[in-house]
N, C-alpha and C. Protein backbone atom coordinates (compact mmCIF):
# COMPACT_ATOMS: atom_id res chain seq x y z
N MET A 1 0.74 -1.21 0.29
CA MET A 1 0.01 -0.09 -0.06
C MET A 1 0.85 1.12 -0.07
N ILE A 2 0.47 2.04 -0.80
CA ILE A 2 0.95 3.57 -1.18
C ILE A 2 0.40 4.62 -0.40
N LYS A 3 0.25 5.64 0.33
CA LYS A 3 0.28 6.95 0.97
C LYS A 3 0.76 7.86 0.52
N LYS A 4 0.25 9.11 -0.38
CA LYS A 4 0.73 9.91 -1.02
C LYS A 4 0.62 11.23 -0.37
N PRO A 5 0.92 11.98 0.22
CA PRO A 5 0.23 13.31 0.47
C PRO A 5 0.26 14.25 -0.66
N VAL A 6 -0.90 14.84 -1.12
CA VAL A 6 -0.50 15.63 -2.49
C VAL A 6 -1.67 17.03 -2.39
N THR A 7 -0.80 18.42 -2.56
CA THR A 7 -1.47 19.67 -2.63
C THR A 7 -1.96 19.46 -3.93
N ILE A 8 -3.21 19.99 -4.21
CA ILE A 8 -4.09 19.87 -5.72
C ILE A 8 -3.32 20.97 -6.73
N GLN A 9 -2.58 21.47 -7.47
CA GLN A 9 -2.66 22.32 -7.87
C GLN A 9 -3.06 22.40 -9.71
N THR A 10 -3.57 21.03 -10.05
CA THR A 10 -4.48 21.05 -10.89
C THR A 10 -5.65 22.66 -10.76
N ASP A 11 -6.45 23.09 -11.74
CA ASP A 11 -7.14 23.96 -11.67
C ASP A 11 -8.84 23.29 -12.10
N MET A 12 -9.18 23.90 -10.28
CA MET A 12 -10.54 22.96 -10.11
C MET A 12 -11.53 23.50 -10.49
N SER A 13 -11.68 24.85 -11.41
CA SER A 13 -12.80 25.89 -11.61
C SER A 13 -13.48 25.08 -12.48
N THR A 14 -13.56 24.05 -13.33
CA THR A 14 -13.96 23.30 -14.20
C THR A 14 -14.85 21.60 -13.17
N GLU A 15 -15.21 22.24 -12.23
CA GLU A 15 -15.09 21.01 -11.08
C GLU A 15 -15.37 19.95 -11.91
N ASP A 16 -16.94 19.78 -12.57
CA ASP A 16 -17.59 18.34 -12.94
C ASP A 16 -16.37 18.03 -13.98
N ARG A 17 -15.90 18.51 -15.06
CA ARG A 17 -14.71 17.92 -15.81
C ARG A 17 -13.84 17.58 -15.37
N SER A 18 -13.15 18.63 -14.35
CA SER A 18 -11.91 17.81 -13.43
C SER A 18 -11.80 16.45 -13.06
N VAL A 19 -13.15 16.82 -12.33
CA VAL A 19 -13.47 15.24 -11.69
C VAL A 19 -13.41 14.24 -12.85
N ALA A 20 -14.11 14.55 -13.84
CA ALA A 20 -14.30 13.48 -14.95
C ALA A 20 -12.86 12.51 -15.29
N LEU A 21 -12.15 13.60 -15.38
CA LEU A 21 -11.11 13.32 -15.83
C LEU A 21 -10.45 12.93 -14.69
N LEU A 22 -10.21 13.50 -13.41
CA LEU A 22 -9.68 12.18 -12.15
C LEU A 22 -9.94 10.98 -12.65
N VAL A 23 -11.49 11.13 -12.55
CA VAL A 23 -11.57 9.45 -12.04
C VAL A 23 -11.40 8.51 -13.65
N GLN A 24 -10.87 9.29 -14.16
CA GLN A 24 -10.92 8.16 -15.67
C GLN A 24 -9.17 7.99 -15.50
N GLU A 25 -8.43 8.95 -15.02
CA GLU A 25 -6.92 8.75 -14.63
C GLU A 25 -7.47 8.19 -13.39
N ALA A 26 -7.94 7.48 -12.34
CA ALA A 26 -7.92 6.75 -11.76
C ALA A 26 -7.93 5.54 -11.91
N SER A 27 -9.02 5.13 -12.97
CA SER A 27 -9.78 4.15 -13.32
C SER A 27 -8.88 3.70 -14.29
N GLN A 28 -7.67 4.13 -14.92
CA GLN A 28 -6.55 3.41 -15.81
C GLN A 28 -5.99 1.93 -15.01
N TYR A 29 -6.01 2.43 -13.89
CA TYR A 29 -5.15 1.68 -12.83
C TYR A 29 -5.70 0.39 -12.62
N GLN A 30 -5.14 -0.80 -12.10
CA GLN A 30 -5.61 -2.20 -11.64
C GLN A 30 -6.20 -1.78 -9.99
N SER A 31 -4.74 -1.31 -9.65
CA SER A 31 -5.13 -0.96 -8.43
C SER A 31 -6.45 -0.56 -7.26
N GLN A 32 -6.77 -0.45 -6.16
CA GLN A 32 -7.79 0.61 -5.63
C GLN A 32 -7.29 1.32 -5.30
N VAL A 33 -8.12 2.45 -5.79
CA VAL A 33 -7.33 3.95 -5.34
C VAL A 33 -8.57 4.62 -4.51
N PHE A 34 -8.13 5.32 -3.45
CA PHE A 34 -8.73 6.09 -2.93
C PHE A 34 -8.12 7.63 -2.47
N PHE A 35 -8.65 8.49 -2.35
CA PHE A 35 -8.60 9.92 -1.86
C PHE A 35 -8.87 10.12 -0.34
N GLU A 36 -8.27 10.06 0.17
CA GLU A 36 -8.54 10.64 1.42
C GLU A 36 -8.56 12.35 2.26
N VAL A 37 -9.32 12.95 2.43
CA VAL A 37 -9.55 14.29 2.66
C VAL A 37 -10.18 14.37 3.81
N GLU A 38 -9.53 15.05 5.13
CA GLU A 38 -10.02 14.96 6.30
C GLU A 38 -10.21 13.72 6.93
N GLU A 39 -11.79 13.57 7.32
CA GLU A 39 -12.20 12.13 7.72
C GLU A 39 -12.35 11.05 7.28
N LYS A 40 -12.60 11.68 5.36
CA LYS A 40 -13.18 11.17 4.45
C LYS A 40 -12.76 10.33 3.55
N LYS A 41 -12.81 9.20 3.25
CA LYS A 41 -11.73 8.27 2.79
C LYS A 41 -12.97 7.72 1.30
N ILE A 42 -12.45 8.37 -0.23
CA ILE A 42 -13.63 8.40 -1.16
C ILE A 42 -12.65 7.45 -2.18
N ASN A 43 -13.84 6.38 -3.37
CA ASN A 43 -12.62 5.38 -4.02
C ASN A 43 -12.73 6.57 -5.26
N ALA A 44 -11.57 6.78 -5.95
CA ALA A 44 -11.19 7.71 -6.51
C ALA A 44 -11.72 7.04 -7.81
N LYS A 45 -12.39 6.04 -8.74
CA LYS A 45 -13.33 5.35 -9.54
C LYS A 45 -13.85 5.56 -9.50
N SER A 46 -14.92 6.73 -8.48
CA SER A 46 -16.99 6.94 -8.67
C SER A 46 -16.36 8.02 -8.26
N ILE A 47 -17.41 8.37 -9.67
CA ILE A 47 -17.72 9.43 -10.05
C ILE A 47 -18.47 10.07 -8.70
N MET A 48 -19.61 9.12 -8.38
CA MET A 48 -20.55 9.86 -7.60
C MET A 48 -19.58 10.51 -6.07
N GLY A 49 -18.78 9.55 -5.66
CA GLY A 49 -18.07 9.74 -4.30
C GLY A 49 -17.30 11.19 -4.53
N MET A 50 -16.74 11.04 -5.75
CA MET A 50 -15.39 11.86 -5.78
C MET A 50 -16.17 13.31 -5.92
N MET A 51 -17.33 13.41 -6.81
CA MET A 51 -18.40 14.65 -6.82
C MET A 51 -18.37 15.12 -5.62
N THR A 52 -18.82 14.54 -4.32
CA THR A 52 -18.72 15.10 -2.61
C THR A 52 -17.47 15.64 -2.03
N LEU A 53 -16.47 14.97 -2.87
CA LEU A 53 -15.17 15.42 -2.06
C LEU A 53 -15.40 17.66 -2.31
N ARG A 54 -15.91 17.91 -3.56
CA ARG A 54 -15.39 19.18 -3.64
C ARG A 54 -14.10 20.00 -4.11
N LEU A 55 -13.35 18.96 -4.47
CA LEU A 55 -11.94 19.61 -4.56
C LEU A 55 -11.14 20.56 -4.98
N CYS A 56 -10.49 21.64 -4.04
CA CYS A 56 -10.36 22.72 -5.07
C CYS A 56 -8.81 22.97 -5.02
N GLN A 57 -8.37 23.87 -5.85
CA GLN A 57 -6.54 24.15 -5.67
C GLN A 57 -6.39 24.18 -4.57
N GLY A 58 -4.98 24.40 -4.08
CA GLY A 58 -4.48 24.84 -3.12
C GLY A 58 -4.55 23.53 -1.75
N GLU A 59 -6.30 22.54 -1.83
CA GLU A 59 -6.19 21.79 -0.67
C GLU A 59 -5.39 20.97 -0.52
N GLU A 60 -5.27 19.95 0.38
CA GLU A 60 -4.25 18.40 0.10
C GLU A 60 -5.16 17.52 0.80
N LEU A 61 -4.54 16.46 0.10
CA LEU A 61 -5.26 15.63 0.17
C LEU A 61 -4.28 14.31 0.33
N THR A 62 -4.43 12.56 0.50
CA THR A 62 -3.42 11.77 -0.04
C THR A 62 -4.03 10.70 -0.28
N VAL A 63 -3.14 10.35 -1.70
CA VAL A 63 -3.93 9.13 -2.57
C VAL A 63 -3.55 8.14 -1.62
N VAL A 64 -4.28 7.00 -2.07
CA VAL A 64 -3.78 5.72 -1.38
C VAL A 64 -4.12 4.82 -2.29
N ALA A 65 -3.49 4.22 -3.10
CA ALA A 65 -3.59 3.22 -3.83
C ALA A 65 -2.77 1.82 -3.32
N GLU A 66 -3.74 0.83 -3.68
CA GLU A 66 -2.97 -1.02 -2.94
C GLU A 66 -3.48 -1.58 -4.51
N GLY A 67 -2.22 -2.66 -4.37
CA GLY A 67 -2.16 -3.32 -5.99
C GLY A 67 -1.73 -3.55 -6.86
N LYS A 68 -1.89 -4.23 -7.92
CA LYS A 68 -0.59 -4.53 -8.57
C LYS A 68 0.34 -3.59 -9.07
N ASP A 69 -0.42 -2.41 -9.72
CA ASP A 69 0.27 -0.84 -10.15
C ASP A 69 0.16 -0.29 -9.22
N GLU A 70 0.44 0.02 -8.11
CA GLU A 70 0.26 0.91 -7.05
C GLU A 70 1.29 2.44 -7.13
N GLU A 71 2.35 1.99 -7.23
CA GLU A 71 3.57 2.70 -7.56
C GLU A 71 3.19 4.05 -8.84
N GLU A 72 2.32 2.92 -9.76
CA GLU A 72 2.58 3.82 -11.29
C GLU A 72 0.98 4.51 -10.74
N ALA A 73 -0.49 3.68 -10.35
CA ALA A 73 -1.53 4.91 -9.79
C ALA A 73 -1.23 6.01 -8.90
N ALA A 74 0.06 5.91 -7.83
CA ALA A 74 0.37 6.66 -6.83
C ALA A 74 0.75 8.04 -7.54
N LYS A 75 1.88 7.48 -8.48
CA LYS A 75 2.90 8.75 -9.37
C LYS A 75 1.98 9.19 -10.64
N GLY A 76 1.28 8.65 -10.74
CA GLY A 76 0.23 8.87 -12.07
C GLY A 76 -0.54 10.34 -11.54
N LEU A 77 -1.88 9.36 -10.80
CA LEU A 77 -2.56 10.81 -9.82
C LEU A 77 -1.73 11.91 -9.03
N GLU A 78 -0.67 11.72 -8.66
CA GLU A 78 -0.19 12.64 -8.40
C GLU A 78 0.06 13.58 -9.15
N LEU A 79 1.45 13.19 -10.23
CA LEU A 79 1.10 14.11 -11.67
C LEU A 79 -0.48 14.88 -12.28
N PHE A 80 -1.18 13.95 -11.83
CA PHE A 80 -2.55 14.63 -12.38
C PHE A 80 -2.93 16.10 -11.59
N LEU A 81 -3.16 15.72 -10.28
CA LEU A 81 -2.81 16.57 -9.24
C LEU A 81 -2.29 17.54 -8.86
N SER A 82 -0.74 17.17 -9.57
CA SER A 82 0.02 18.73 -9.32
C SER A 82 0.43 18.94 -10.92
N ASP A 83 -1.35 18.82 -11.91
CA ASP A 83 -1.13 19.72 -12.81
C ASP A 83 0.37 19.51 -13.96
N LYS A 84 1.11 18.34 -13.54
CA LYS A 84 2.37 18.37 -13.87
C LYS A 84 2.17 17.30 -15.51
N LYS A 85 0.77 16.59 -16.09
CA LYS A 85 0.51 15.59 -16.99
C LYS A 85 1.20 16.11 -18.17
């Protein structure tokens, strides 16, 4: 299991589109992927779950990945959220 703290640098102003793209990114990986924000733990592959987070630029969260490609999943999501893709 990998836990990676990330500060969101991606512009989330078009939230619905940004969240959909984030879910697409997470869905590429075989590993289970979650985001932990405060006391919530949300499946990153669930569009409905992700919409409840209301992510904002500058917010901190933890990427949690577990499975065959957990390293790639954690890195890919970190890059997406860091706006370095």
